[in-house]
Amino acid sequence: MSDILWPAGYVPGFTDNYCSNEVIVTGLTVDEVWPFLNIPSRWPTYYANSADIRFYDGKGPELTQGVRFYFSTFGFPVEAQVVEHVPPVKGQPARVAWHGWAGEEGTDDRLDVHHAWLIEELSAGRLRILTQETQCGKPAQDLAKAQPNPMINGHQDWLNGLVQAARQAKQS
C-alpha cells in the first residue's frame, strides 16, 4: 500500500499533533470518489464540519496544484494552498494535499497543518481512502490533549461521509 508524502517540517512524530484515518471499502472506484474530495463545494453536503468554502484568484471549483482556497473547520478559519495534486490515473494512487493555516504568524493562535489524502484501488475490488494530518502550533498542542480526539473523530466523519456520498451518487 502507498503512503503519504510528507514535506519538511510536517513529518509525523516531529509535529505538535498528528492524526490518521483510513477506510477500505468495496463497490467504489477512485474515479467515483475523487469528485467528492476534489470539489470542496461538495464537502458540506456530506461533512458537517466544513463550511464557507471559497477560492481565490477566480480559480475553482476543483482543487488543482498550487490553487489557494479557504474553508472553516473545527472552529478555525483555514487559508489553504494545494501542495500536491495527482488526479486518478490507472495503476497509481490519487493524491491531494494542502498546507493550511489560521492565525497570525508568530502568535500563540497560529496553526499550520499539512492535510493529505490518498485514494488507491487494492486487490479484490477494494478501495482504500487514507487521510492524515500533521499540525504545528499552540492550537495543535491543545488539540493533541483533547479527549475524545476531535481530529480523529472529525476526519472519520469526513471519510464516512465521503464514502456514503459516492455510494449515493453511484446508485442515482
C-alpha atoms as a PDB file:
ATOM      1  CA  MET A   1       0.000   0.000   0.000  1.00  0.00           C
ATOM      2  CA  SER A   2       1.094   3.551  -0.677  1.00  0.00           C
ATOM      3  CA  ASP A   3       1.816   6.167   1.960  1.00  0.00           C
ATOM      4  CA  ILE A   4       1.587   9.916   2.401  1.00  0.00           C
ATOM      5  CA  LEU A   5       4.428  12.088   1.112  1.00  0.00           C
ATOM      6  CA  TRP A   6       5.415  14.490   3.900  1.00  0.00           C
ATOM      7  CA  PRO A   7       7.125  17.834   3.336  1.00  0.00           C
ATOM      8  CA  ALA A   8       9.916  19.018   5.644  1.00  0.00           C
ATOM      9  CA  GLY A   9       8.536  20.347   8.913  1.00  0.00           C
ATOM     10  CA  TYR A  10       5.387  18.197   8.807  1.00  0.00           C
ATOM     11  CA  VAL A  11       6.685  14.650   9.293  1.00  0.00           C
ATOM     12  CA  PRO A  12       4.583  12.782  11.891  1.00  0.00           C
ATOM     13  CA  GLY A  13       6.380  12.420  15.198  1.00  0.00           C
ATOM     14  CA  PHE A  14       8.089  15.793  14.797  1.00  0.00           C
ATOM     15  CA  THR A  15       4.935  17.947  14.912  1.00  0.00           C
ATOM     16  CA  ASP A  16       2.622  19.060  17.710  1.00  0.00           C
ATOM     17  CA  ASN A  17      -0.327  16.918  16.611  1.00  0.00           C
ATOM     18  CA  TYR A  18      -0.957  14.091  14.162  1.00  0.00           C
ATOM     19  CA  CYS A  19      -3.996  12.085  13.166  1.00  0.00           C
ATOM     20  CA  SER A  20      -4.562   9.262  10.726  1.00  0.00           C
ATOM     21  CA  ASN A  21      -7.842   7.819   9.474  1.00  0.00           C
ATOM     22  CA  GLU A  22      -8.448   5.154   6.865  1.00  0.00           C
ATOM     23  CA  VAL A  23     -11.241   3.109   5.372  1.00  0.00           C
ATOM     24  CA  ILE A  24     -11.136   0.182   2.981  1.00  0.00           C
ATOM     25  CA  VAL A  25     -14.394  -0.438   1.141  1.00  0.00           C
ATOM     26  CA  THR A  26     -15.747  -2.396  -1.802  1.00  0.00           C
ATOM     27  CA  GLY A  27     -18.088  -1.334  -4.565  1.00  0.00           C
ATOM     28  CA  LEU A  28     -16.419   2.014  -5.340  1.00  0.00           C
ATOM     29  CA  THR A  29     -13.599   3.177  -7.595  1.00  0.00           C
ATOM     30  CA  VAL A  30     -11.130   6.032  -7.313  1.00  0.00           C
ATOM     31  CA  ASP A  31     -12.957   7.794 -10.172  1.00  0.00           C
ATOM     32  CA  GLU A  32     -16.274   7.599  -8.280  1.00  0.00           C
ATOM     33  CA  VAL A  33     -14.859   9.013  -5.029  1.00  0.00           C
ATOM     34  CA  TRP A  34     -12.444  11.635  -6.401  1.00  0.00           C
ATOM     35  CA  PRO A  35     -15.013  14.325  -7.378  1.00  0.00           C
ATOM     36  CA  PHE A  36     -16.426  14.378  -3.842  1.00  0.00           C
ATOM     37  CA  LEU A  37     -12.984  15.161  -2.440  1.00  0.00           C
ATOM     38  CA  ASN A  38     -11.583  17.292  -5.249  1.00  0.00           C
ATOM     39  CA  ILE A  39     -14.550  19.695  -5.429  1.00  0.00           C
ATOM     40  CA  PRO A  40     -14.619  21.399  -1.995  1.00  0.00           C
ATOM     41  CA  SER A  41     -18.089  22.887  -2.502  1.00  0.00           C
ATOM     42  CA  ARG A  42     -19.340  19.301  -2.111  1.00  0.00           C
ATOM     43  CA  TRP A  43     -17.736  18.832   1.318  1.00  0.00           C
ATOM     44  CA  PRO A  44     -20.540  20.467   3.354  1.00  0.00           C
ATOM     45  CA  THR A  45     -23.091  18.178   1.674  1.00  0.00           C
ATOM     46  CA  TYR A  46     -21.590  15.135   3.388  1.00  0.00           C
ATOM     47  CA  TYR A  47     -19.292  16.568   6.092  1.00  0.00           C
ATOM     48  CA  ALA A  48     -20.965  18.951   8.553  1.00  0.00           C
ATOM     49  CA  ASN A  49     -17.629  20.199   9.914  1.00  0.00           C
ATOM     50  CA  SER A  50     -16.786  22.117   6.726  1.00  0.00           C
ATOM     51  CA  ALA A  51     -18.261  25.421   5.576  1.00  0.00           C
ATOM     52  CA  ASP A  52     -17.599  28.780   3.943  1.00  0.00           C
ATOM     53  CA  ILE A  53     -15.624  27.366   1.020  1.00  0.00           C
ATOM     54  CA  ARG A  54     -14.250  29.809  -1.498  1.00  0.00           C
ATOM     55  CA  PHE A  55     -11.392  30.024  -3.978  1.00  0.00           C
ATOM     56  CA  TYR A  56      -9.026  32.891  -4.700  1.00  0.00           C
ATOM     57  CA  ASP A  57      -7.940  34.454  -7.983  1.00  0.00           C
ATOM     58  CA  GLY A  58     -11.001  33.261  -9.926  1.00  0.00           C
ATOM     59  CA  LYS A  59      -9.975  29.603  -9.522  1.00  0.00           C
ATOM     60  CA  GLY A  60     -12.119  26.593  -8.674  1.00  0.00           C
ATOM     61  CA  PRO A  61     -14.423  24.813  -8.346  1.00  0.00           C
ATOM     62  CA  GLU A  62     -11.884  21.955  -8.380  1.00  0.00           C
ATOM     63  CA  LEU A  63      -8.640  21.676  -6.464  1.00  0.00           C
ATOM     64  CA  THR A  64      -5.524  21.890  -8.642  1.00  0.00           C
ATOM     65  CA  GLN A  65      -1.807  22.151  -7.950  1.00  0.00           C
ATOM     66  CA  GLY A  66      -0.998  25.481  -6.292  1.00  0.00           C
ATOM     67  CA  VAL A  67      -4.596  26.750  -6.007  1.00  0.00           C
ATOM     68  CA  ARG A  68      -5.446  28.870  -2.951  1.00  0.00           C
ATOM     69  CA  PHE A  69      -8.750  28.346  -1.162  1.00  0.00           C
ATOM     70  CA  TYR A  70     -10.473  28.988   2.149  1.00  0.00           C
ATOM     71  CA  PHE A  71     -12.803  26.986   4.385  1.00  0.00           C
ATOM     72  CA  SER A  72     -13.772  26.794   8.032  1.00  0.00           C
ATOM     73  CA  THR A  73     -13.452  23.628  10.091  1.00  0.00           C
ATOM     74  CA  PHE A  74     -13.061  22.722  13.783  1.00  0.00           C
ATOM     75  CA  GLY A  75     -13.831  26.342  14.595  1.00  0.00           C
ATOM     76  CA  PHE A  76     -10.815  27.566  12.630  1.00  0.00           C
ATOM     77  CA  PRO A  77     -10.923  29.815   9.559  1.00  0.00           C
ATOM     78  CA  VAL A  78      -8.433  27.996   7.322  1.00  0.00           C
ATOM     79  CA  GLU A  79      -6.468  29.543   4.484  1.00  0.00           C
ATOM     80  CA  ALA A  80      -5.068  26.765   2.311  1.00  0.00           C
ATOM     81  CA  GLN A  81      -2.951  26.071  -0.726  1.00  0.00           C
ATOM     82  CA  VAL A  82      -2.791  22.775  -2.614  1.00  0.00           C
ATOM     83  CA  VAL A  83       0.782  21.451  -2.485  1.00  0.00           C
ATOM     84  CA  GLU A  84       0.185  18.019  -4.050  1.00  0.00           C
ATOM     85  CA  HIS A  85      -2.392  17.100  -6.664  1.00  0.00           C
ATOM     86  CA  VAL A  86      -2.384  13.801  -8.539  1.00  0.00           C
ATOM     87  CA  PRO A  87      -5.768  13.054 -10.168  1.00  0.00           C
ATOM     88  CA  PRO A  88      -6.820   9.435 -10.733  1.00  0.00           C
ATOM     89  CA  VAL A  89      -4.616   7.507 -13.167  1.00  0.00           C
ATOM     90  CA  LYS A  90      -4.980   3.756 -13.627  1.00  0.00           C
ATOM     91  CA  GLY A  91      -2.384   1.895 -11.582  1.00  0.00           C
ATOM     92  CA  GLN A  92      -1.362   4.689  -9.209  1.00  0.00           C
ATOM     93  CA  PRO A  93      -2.983   6.316  -6.182  1.00  0.00           C
ATOM     94  CA  ALA A  94      -4.805   9.609  -6.498  1.00  0.00           C
ATOM     95  CA  ARG A  95      -3.415  12.201  -4.100  1.00  0.00           C
ATOM     96  CA  VAL A  96      -4.311  15.653  -2.853  1.00  0.00           C
ATOM     97  CA  ALA A  97      -2.693  17.596  -0.035  1.00  0.00           C
ATOM     98  CA  TRP A  98      -2.807  21.159   1.168  1.00  0.00           C
ATOM     99  CA  HIS A  99      -0.930  23.380   3.549  1.00  0.00           C
ATOM    100  CA  GLY A 100      -3.477  25.110   5.722  1.00  0.00           C
ATOM    101  CA  TRP A 101      -3.028  27.904   8.230  1.00  0.00           C
ATOM    102  CA  ALA A 102      -5.019  30.012  10.656  1.00  0.00           C
ATOM    103  CA  GLY A 103      -3.983  32.938  12.842  1.00  0.00           C
ATOM    104  CA  GLU A 104      -1.167  35.435  12.506  1.00  0.00           C
ATOM    105  CA  GLU A 105       2.401  34.189  12.080  1.00  0.00           C
ATOM    106  CA  GLY A 106       4.428  34.426  15.273  1.00  0.00           C
ATOM    107  CA  THR A 107       1.399  34.453  17.592  1.00  0.00           C
ATOM    108  CA  ASP A 108       0.115  31.821  20.015  1.00  0.00           C
ATOM    109  CA  ASP A 109      -3.040  31.341  17.950  1.00  0.00           C
ATOM    110  CA  ARG A 110      -1.122  30.381  14.768  1.00  0.00           C
ATOM    111  CA  LEU A 111      -1.894  26.888  13.452  1.00  0.00           C
ATOM    112  CA  ASP A 112      -0.131  25.334  10.438  1.00  0.00           C
ATOM    113  CA  VAL A 113      -1.211  21.989   9.021  1.00  0.00           C
ATOM    114  CA  HIS A 114      -0.421  19.574   6.235  1.00  0.00           C
ATOM    115  CA  HIS A 115      -3.581  17.625   5.339  1.00  0.00           C
ATOM    116  CA  ALA A 116      -3.103  14.818   2.843  1.00  0.00           C
ATOM    117  CA  TRP A 117      -5.420  12.334   1.139  1.00  0.00           C
ATOM    118  CA  LEU A 118      -4.610   9.164  -0.769  1.00  0.00           C
ATOM    119  CA  ILE A 119      -7.141   7.058  -2.678  1.00  0.00           C
ATOM    120  CA  GLU A 120      -5.995   3.768  -4.180  1.00  0.00           C
ATOM    121  CA  GLU A 121      -7.511   0.648  -5.606  1.00  0.00           C
ATOM    122  CA  LEU A 122      -6.448  -2.571  -3.924  1.00  0.00           C
ATOM    123  CA  SER A 123      -6.810  -6.203  -4.947  1.00  0.00           C
ATOM    124  CA  ALA A 124     -10.196  -7.954  -4.979  1.00  0.00           C
ATOM    125  CA  GLY A 125     -12.162  -4.800  -5.852  1.00  0.00           C
ATOM    126  CA  ARG A 126     -11.266  -2.946  -2.674  1.00  0.00           C
ATOM    127  CA  LEU A 127     -10.694   0.798  -2.376  1.00  0.00           C
ATOM    128  CA  ARG A 128      -8.512   2.400   0.272  1.00  0.00           C
ATOM    129  CA  ILE A 129      -9.015   6.015   1.354  1.00  0.00           C
ATOM    130  CA  LEU A 130      -6.398   7.384   3.732  1.00  0.00           C
ATOM    131  CA  THR A 131      -6.314  10.849   5.245  1.00  0.00           C
ATOM    132  CA  GLN A 132      -3.572  12.064   7.553  1.00  0.00           C
ATOM    133  CA  GLU A 133      -2.831  15.451   9.036  1.00  0.00           C
ATOM    134  CA  THR A 134       0.043  16.935  10.970  1.00  0.00           C
ATOM    135  CA  GLN A 135      -0.212  20.228  12.811  1.00  0.00           C
ATOM    136  CA  CYS A 136       2.182  22.752  14.309  1.00  0.00           C
ATOM    137  CA  GLY A 137       1.441  25.495  16.841  1.00  0.00           C
ATOM    138  CA  LYS A 138      -0.157  26.078  20.233  1.00  0.00           C
ATOM    139  CA  PRO A 139      -3.694  25.224  18.995  1.00  0.00           C
ATOM    140  CA  ALA A 140      -2.274  21.895  17.764  1.00  0.00           C
ATOM    141  CA  GLN A 141      -0.778  21.194  21.180  1.00  0.00           C
ATOM    142  CA  ASP A 142      -4.197  21.798  22.734  1.00  0.00           C
ATOM    143  CA  LEU A 143      -5.952  19.588  20.165  1.00  0.00           C
ATOM    144  CA  ALA A 144      -3.456  16.776  20.837  1.00  0.00           C
ATOM    145  CA  LYS A 145      -4.506  16.705  24.516  1.00  0.00           C
ATOM    146  CA  ALA A 146      -8.260  16.746  23.883  1.00  0.00           C
ATOM    147  CA  GLN A 147     -10.231  13.606  24.757  1.00  0.00           C
ATOM    148  CA  PRO A 148     -12.031  12.363  22.800  1.00  0.00           C
ATOM    149  CA  ASN A 149      -9.729  13.423  19.978  1.00  0.00           C
ATOM    150  CA  PRO A 150     -11.659  15.876  17.789  1.00  0.00           C
ATOM    151  CA  MET A 151      -9.338  15.414  14.806  1.00  0.00           C
ATOM    152  CA  ILE A 152      -9.629  11.619  14.736  1.00  0.00           C
ATOM    153  CA  ASN A 153     -13.406  11.779  15.193  1.00  0.00           C
ATOM    154  CA  GLY A 154     -13.894  14.618  12.721  1.00  0.00           C
ATOM    155  CA  HIS A 155     -11.784  13.049   9.997  1.00  0.00           C
ATOM    156  CA  GLN A 156     -13.570   9.723  10.468  1.00  0.00           C
ATOM    157  CA  ASP A 157     -16.862  11.560   9.902  1.00  0.00           C
ATOM    158  CA  TRP A 158     -15.325  13.078   6.754  1.00  0.00           C
ATOM    159  CA  LEU A 159     -14.253   9.651   5.466  1.00  0.00           C
ATOM    160  CA  ASN A 160     -17.593   8.033   6.256  1.00  0.00           C
ATOM    161  CA  GLY A 161     -19.484  10.891   4.605  1.00  0.00           C
ATOM    162  CA  LEU A 162     -17.218  10.767   1.541  1.00  0.00           C
ATOM    163  CA  VAL A 163     -17.906   7.059   1.057  1.00  0.00           C
ATOM    164  CA  GLN A 164     -21.638   7.499   1.628  1.00  0.00           C
ATOM    165  CA  ALA A 165     -21.846  10.418  -0.847  1.00  0.00           C
ATOM    166  CA  ALA A 166     -20.012   8.432  -3.537  1.00  0.00           C
ATOM    167  CA  ARG A 167     -22.258   5.396  -2.947  1.00  0.00           C
ATOM    168  CA  GLN A 168     -25.416   7.516  -3.174  1.00  0.00           C
ATOM    169  CA  ALA A 169     -24.222   9.138  -6.408  1.00  0.00           C
ATOM    170  CA  LYS A 170     -23.452   5.715  -7.891  1.00  0.00           C
ATOM    171  CA  GLN A 171     -26.945   4.472  -7.059  1.00  0.00           C
ATOM    172  CA  SER A 172     -28.613   7.534  -8.649  1.00  0.00           C
END
